[in-house]
Amino acid sequence: MNLPPGSDPREIPDTDPSAPLKPDEATLQTRARTALAVERTFFAMERSLMAWLRTSLSMISFGFTLAKFFEYVEGQRGEHIVGRFGATWSPRAVGTAMVVIGTVALLFAVIQHGRRVRALRREGLAQQWNLAYWVGIAIAALGAFALGALVL
């Protein structure tokens, strides 16, 4: 053991081990940067959910419009629409498929977003109201309603 000359190895420093340590400037900056990084990550995830919202809403509305438009055209003509090679084209099936794909994709995006937000909360994200999450749930419900209108 290398001790400085004149020091007693039995001396104990007079620091209280239960006393909280004062953070230095570097620790404070690191904590601030980490908190800001968590916030930026949350906002990036929210932007991703909003992109899924736009995509899903486009698919749901276009699919519903396509199915209803061709249903109207078939009603005016009184016959099925026949494609170039004599095959009967079912725009209702295509429209319904687009509504299903848009709704299911949005549901998965909302679930994934919820899981990621819970993970960020474990990392220190403050509890906050998430508008994109609730709008996603509302639009998924509208997609289910549109699907019901097409099927029934």
C-alpha atoms as a PDB file:
ATOM      1  CA  MET A   1       0.000   0.000   0.000  1.00  0.00           C
ATOM      2  CA  ASN A   2       1.460   3.332  -1.034  1.00  0.00           C
ATOM      3  CA  LEU A   3       0.387   6.016   1.383  1.00  0.00           C
ATOM      4  CA  PRO A   4       1.624   9.568   1.448  1.00  0.00           C
ATOM      5  CA  PRO A   5       4.247  10.169   4.131  1.00  0.00           C
ATOM      6  CA  GLY A   6       2.779  11.061   7.491  1.00  0.00           C
ATOM      7  CA  SER A   7      -0.680   9.639   6.815  1.00  0.00           C
ATOM      8  CA  ASP A   8      -2.323   7.136   9.078  1.00  0.00           C
ATOM      9  CA  PRO A   9      -3.933   4.178   7.231  1.00  0.00           C
ATOM     10  CA  ARG A  10      -6.574   3.969   9.951  1.00  0.00           C
ATOM     11  CA  GLU A  11      -7.857   7.464   9.218  1.00  0.00           C
ATOM     12  CA  ILE A  12     -11.261   7.537   7.614  1.00  0.00           C
ATOM     13  CA  PRO A  13     -12.249  10.546   5.527  1.00  0.00           C
ATOM     14  CA  ASP A  14     -15.037  12.541   7.118  1.00  0.00           C
ATOM     15  CA  THR A  15     -17.515  12.148   4.247  1.00  0.00           C
ATOM     16  CA  ASP A  16     -20.950  10.782   4.932  1.00  0.00           C
ATOM     17  CA  PRO A  17     -21.566   7.836   2.549  1.00  0.00           C
ATOM     18  CA  SER A  18     -25.325   8.328   2.790  1.00  0.00           C
ATOM     19  CA  ALA A  19     -25.133  11.967   1.725  1.00  0.00           C
ATOM     20  CA  PRO A  20     -26.181  12.518  -1.890  1.00  0.00           C
ATOM     21  CA  LEU A  21     -23.372  13.431  -4.210  1.00  0.00           C
ATOM     22  CA  LYS A  22     -23.563  16.778  -5.940  1.00  0.00           C
ATOM     23  CA  PRO A  23     -23.588  16.314  -9.681  1.00  0.00           C
ATOM     24  CA  ASP A  24     -20.888  18.080 -11.560  1.00  0.00           C
ATOM     25  CA  GLU A  25     -21.466  20.193 -14.681  1.00  0.00           C
ATOM     26  CA  ALA A  26     -20.758  17.322 -17.076  1.00  0.00           C
ATOM     27  CA  THR A  27     -23.343  15.106 -15.367  1.00  0.00           C
ATOM     28  CA  LEU A  28     -25.965  17.839 -15.568  1.00  0.00           C
ATOM     29  CA  GLN A  29     -25.273  18.375 -19.277  1.00  0.00           C
ATOM     30  CA  THR A  30     -25.444  14.626 -19.911  1.00  0.00           C
ATOM     31  CA  ARG A  31     -28.806  14.379 -18.167  1.00  0.00           C
ATOM     32  CA  ALA A  32     -30.169  17.328 -20.159  1.00  0.00           C
ATOM     33  CA  ARG A  33     -28.938  15.869 -23.440  1.00  0.00           C
ATOM     34  CA  THR A  34     -30.424  12.467 -22.617  1.00  0.00           C
ATOM     35  CA  ALA A  35     -33.784  14.017 -21.751  1.00  0.00           C
ATOM     36  CA  LEU A  36     -33.767  15.963 -25.006  1.00  0.00           C
ATOM     37  CA  ALA A  37     -32.793  12.839 -26.966  1.00  0.00           C
ATOM     38  CA  VAL A  38     -35.756  10.967 -25.467  1.00  0.00           C
ATOM     39  CA  GLU A  39     -38.051  13.861 -26.437  1.00  0.00           C
ATOM     40  CA  ARG A  40     -36.675  13.930 -30.006  1.00  0.00           C
ATOM     41  CA  THR A  41     -37.173  10.179 -30.291  1.00  0.00           C
ATOM     42  CA  PHE A  42     -40.776  10.540 -29.145  1.00  0.00           C
ATOM     43  CA  PHE A  43     -41.444  13.269 -31.712  1.00  0.00           C
ATOM     44  CA  ALA A  44     -39.870  11.142 -34.459  1.00  0.00           C
ATOM     45  CA  MET A  45     -42.133   8.243 -33.494  1.00  0.00           C
ATOM     46  CA  GLU A  46     -45.121  10.561 -33.520  1.00  0.00           C
ATOM     47  CA  ARG A  47     -44.217  11.752 -37.035  1.00  0.00           C
ATOM     48  CA  SER A  48     -43.988   8.120 -38.156  1.00  0.00           C
ATOM     49  CA  LEU A  49     -47.442   7.406 -36.740  1.00  0.00           C
ATOM     50  CA  MET A  50     -48.825  10.463 -38.537  1.00  0.00           C
ATOM     51  CA  ALA A  51     -47.318   9.185 -41.799  1.00  0.00           C
ATOM     52  CA  TRP A  52     -49.093   5.867 -41.237  1.00  0.00           C
ATOM     53  CA  LEU A  53     -52.276   7.822 -40.505  1.00  0.00           C
ATOM     54  CA  ARG A  54     -52.065   9.659 -43.821  1.00  0.00           C
ATOM     55  CA  THR A  55     -51.291   6.492 -45.770  1.00  0.00           C
ATOM     56  CA  SER A  56     -54.015   4.441 -44.111  1.00  0.00           C
ATOM     57  CA  LEU A  57     -56.606   7.186 -44.420  1.00  0.00           C
ATOM     58  CA  SER A  58     -55.802   7.481 -48.139  1.00  0.00           C
ATOM     59  CA  MET A  59     -56.174   3.743 -48.637  1.00  0.00           C
ATOM     60  CA  ILE A  60     -59.414   3.561 -46.655  1.00  0.00           C
ATOM     61  CA  SER A  61     -61.028   6.526 -48.397  1.00  0.00           C
ATOM     62  CA  PHE A  62     -59.861   5.557 -51.890  1.00  0.00           C
ATOM     63  CA  GLY A  63     -60.951   1.944 -51.427  1.00  0.00           C
ATOM     64  CA  PHE A  64     -64.374   2.988 -50.134  1.00  0.00           C
ATOM     65  CA  THR A  65     -64.829   5.510 -52.948  1.00  0.00           C
ATOM     66  CA  LEU A  66     -63.726   3.007 -55.593  1.00  0.00           C
ATOM     67  CA  ALA A  67     -66.143   0.357 -54.375  1.00  0.00           C
ATOM     68  CA  LYS A  68     -69.079   2.746 -54.074  1.00  0.00           C
ATOM     69  CA  PHE A  69     -68.401   4.462 -57.417  1.00  0.00           C
ATOM     70  CA  PHE A  70     -68.342   1.230 -59.383  1.00  0.00           C
ATOM     71  CA  GLU A  71     -71.352  -0.021 -57.460  1.00  0.00           C
ATOM     72  CA  TYR A  72     -73.143   3.115 -58.658  1.00  0.00           C
ATOM     73  CA  VAL A  73     -71.952   2.605 -62.265  1.00  0.00           C
ATOM     74  CA  GLU A  74     -73.096  -1.022 -62.241  1.00  0.00           C
ATOM     75  CA  GLY A  75     -76.463   0.112 -60.877  1.00  0.00           C
ATOM     76  CA  GLN A  76     -76.845   2.643 -63.715  1.00  0.00           C
ATOM     77  CA  ARG A  77     -75.876   0.123 -66.413  1.00  0.00           C
ATOM     78  CA  GLY A  78     -77.694  -2.816 -64.896  1.00  0.00           C
ATOM     79  CA  GLU A  79     -74.770  -5.129 -65.711  1.00  0.00           C
ATOM     80  CA  HIS A  80     -71.325  -6.060 -64.398  1.00  0.00           C
ATOM     81  CA  ILE A  81     -68.274  -4.226 -65.673  1.00  0.00           C
ATOM     82  CA  VAL A  82     -66.236  -6.446 -67.979  1.00  0.00           C
ATOM     83  CA  GLY A  83     -62.494  -5.959 -68.414  1.00  0.00           C
ATOM     84  CA  ARG A  84     -60.391  -5.985 -71.627  1.00  0.00           C
ATOM     85  CA  PHE A  85     -59.996  -9.725 -71.864  1.00  0.00           C
ATOM     86  CA  GLY A  86     -63.568 -10.598 -70.980  1.00  0.00           C
ATOM     87  CA  ALA A  87     -62.915 -11.083 -67.278  1.00  0.00           C
ATOM     88  CA  THR A  88     -65.337  -9.549 -64.827  1.00  0.00           C
ATOM     89  CA  TRP A  89     -63.470  -7.015 -62.800  1.00  0.00           C
ATOM     90  CA  SER A  90     -64.640  -6.656 -59.203  1.00  0.00           C
ATOM     91  CA  PRO A  91     -63.922  -3.125 -58.054  1.00  0.00           C
ATOM     92  CA  ARG A  92     -65.873  -3.870 -54.899  1.00  0.00           C
ATOM     93  CA  ALA A  93     -63.356  -6.575 -53.973  1.00  0.00           C
ATOM     94  CA  VAL A  94     -60.430  -4.259 -54.734  1.00  0.00           C
ATOM     95  CA  GLY A  95     -62.001  -1.412 -52.752  1.00  0.00           C
ATOM     96  CA  THR A  96     -62.789  -3.699 -49.834  1.00  0.00           C
ATOM     97  CA  ALA A  97     -59.232  -5.050 -49.871  1.00  0.00           C
ATOM     98  CA  MET A  98     -57.852  -1.498 -49.767  1.00  0.00           C
ATOM     99  CA  VAL A  99     -60.076  -0.632 -46.808  1.00  0.00           C
ATOM    100  CA  VAL A 100     -58.983  -3.803 -44.992  1.00  0.00           C
ATOM    101  CA  ILE A 101     -55.283  -3.197 -45.688  1.00  0.00           C
ATOM    102  CA  GLY A 102     -55.507   0.464 -44.629  1.00  0.00           C
ATOM    103  CA  THR A 103     -57.374  -0.333 -41.420  1.00  0.00           C
ATOM    104  CA  VAL A 104     -55.153  -3.256 -40.408  1.00  0.00           C
ATOM    105  CA  ALA A 105     -51.968  -1.296 -41.188  1.00  0.00           C
ATOM    106  CA  LEU A 106     -53.199   1.576 -39.048  1.00  0.00           C
ATOM    107  CA  LEU A 107     -54.086  -0.744 -36.170  1.00  0.00           C
ATOM    108  CA  PHE A 108     -50.609  -2.274 -36.255  1.00  0.00           C
ATOM    109  CA  ALA A 109     -49.013   1.190 -36.425  1.00  0.00           C
ATOM    110  CA  VAL A 110     -51.009   2.364 -33.388  1.00  0.00           C
ATOM    111  CA  ILE A 111     -50.088  -0.772 -31.418  1.00  0.00           C
ATOM    112  CA  GLN A 112     -46.418  -0.415 -32.345  1.00  0.00           C
ATOM    113  CA  HIS A 113     -46.448   3.266 -31.410  1.00  0.00           C
ATOM    114  CA  GLY A 114     -48.014   2.493 -28.039  1.00  0.00           C
ATOM    115  CA  ARG A 115     -45.332  -0.097 -27.275  1.00  0.00           C
ATOM    116  CA  ARG A 116     -42.531   2.263 -28.229  1.00  0.00           C
ATOM    117  CA  VAL A 117     -43.945   5.082 -26.108  1.00  0.00           C
ATOM    118  CA  ARG A 118     -44.123   2.739 -23.100  1.00  0.00           C
ATOM    119  CA  ALA A 119     -40.467   1.821 -23.693  1.00  0.00           C
ATOM    120  CA  LEU A 120     -39.524   5.504 -23.825  1.00  0.00           C
ATOM    121  CA  ARG A 121     -41.404   6.152 -20.589  1.00  0.00           C
ATOM    122  CA  ARG A 122     -39.179   3.576 -18.934  1.00  0.00           C
ATOM    123  CA  GLU A 123     -36.241   5.658 -20.213  1.00  0.00           C
ATOM    124  CA  GLY A 124     -37.570   8.843 -18.665  1.00  0.00           C
ATOM    125  CA  LEU A 125     -40.151  10.290 -21.065  1.00  0.00           C
ATOM    126  CA  ALA A 126     -42.615  12.449 -19.173  1.00  0.00           C
ATOM    127  CA  GLN A 127     -46.253  11.392 -19.185  1.00  0.00           C
ATOM    128  CA  GLN A 128     -48.081  13.415 -21.821  1.00  0.00           C
ATOM    129  CA  TRP A 129     -51.196  13.305 -23.929  1.00  0.00           C
ATOM    130  CA  ASN A 130     -50.521  11.851 -27.381  1.00  0.00           C
ATOM    131  CA  LEU A 131     -52.909  13.325 -29.961  1.00  0.00           C
ATOM    132  CA  ALA A 132     -51.655  11.248 -32.911  1.00  0.00           C
ATOM    133  CA  TYR A 133     -52.311   8.031 -30.964  1.00  0.00           C
ATOM    134  CA  TRP A 134     -55.931   8.907 -30.259  1.00  0.00           C
ATOM    135  CA  VAL A 135     -56.557  10.175 -33.793  1.00  0.00           C
ATOM    136  CA  GLY A 136     -55.119   6.879 -35.072  1.00  0.00           C
ATOM    137  CA  ILE A 137     -57.578   4.930 -32.934  1.00  0.00           C
ATOM    138  CA  ALA A 138     -60.471   7.091 -34.187  1.00  0.00           C
ATOM    139  CA  ILE A 139     -59.497   6.645 -37.841  1.00  0.00           C
ATOM    140  CA  ALA A 140     -59.079   2.882 -37.345  1.00  0.00           C
ATOM    141  CA  ALA A 141     -62.633   2.836 -35.960  1.00  0.00           C
ATOM    142  CA  LEU A 142     -63.826   4.782 -39.024  1.00  0.00           C
ATOM    143  CA  GLY A 143     -62.027   2.252 -41.234  1.00  0.00           C
ATOM    144  CA  ALA A 144     -63.859  -0.575 -39.476  1.00  0.00           C
ATOM    145  CA  PHE A 145     -67.121   1.322 -40.001  1.00  0.00           C
ATOM    146  CA  ALA A 146     -66.352   1.786 -43.723  1.00  0.00           C
ATOM    147  CA  LEU A 147     -65.533  -1.908 -44.007  1.00  0.00           C
ATOM    148  CA  GLY A 148     -68.850  -2.760 -42.370  1.00  0.00           C
ATOM    149  CA  ALA A 149     -70.659  -0.462 -44.813  1.00  0.00           C
ATOM    150  CA  LEU A 150     -69.029  -2.220 -47.773  1.00  0.00           C
ATOM    151  CA  VAL A 151     -69.616  -5.748 -46.541  1.00  0.00           C
ATOM    152  CA  LEU A 152     -73.191  -5.255 -45.311  1.00  0.00           C
END
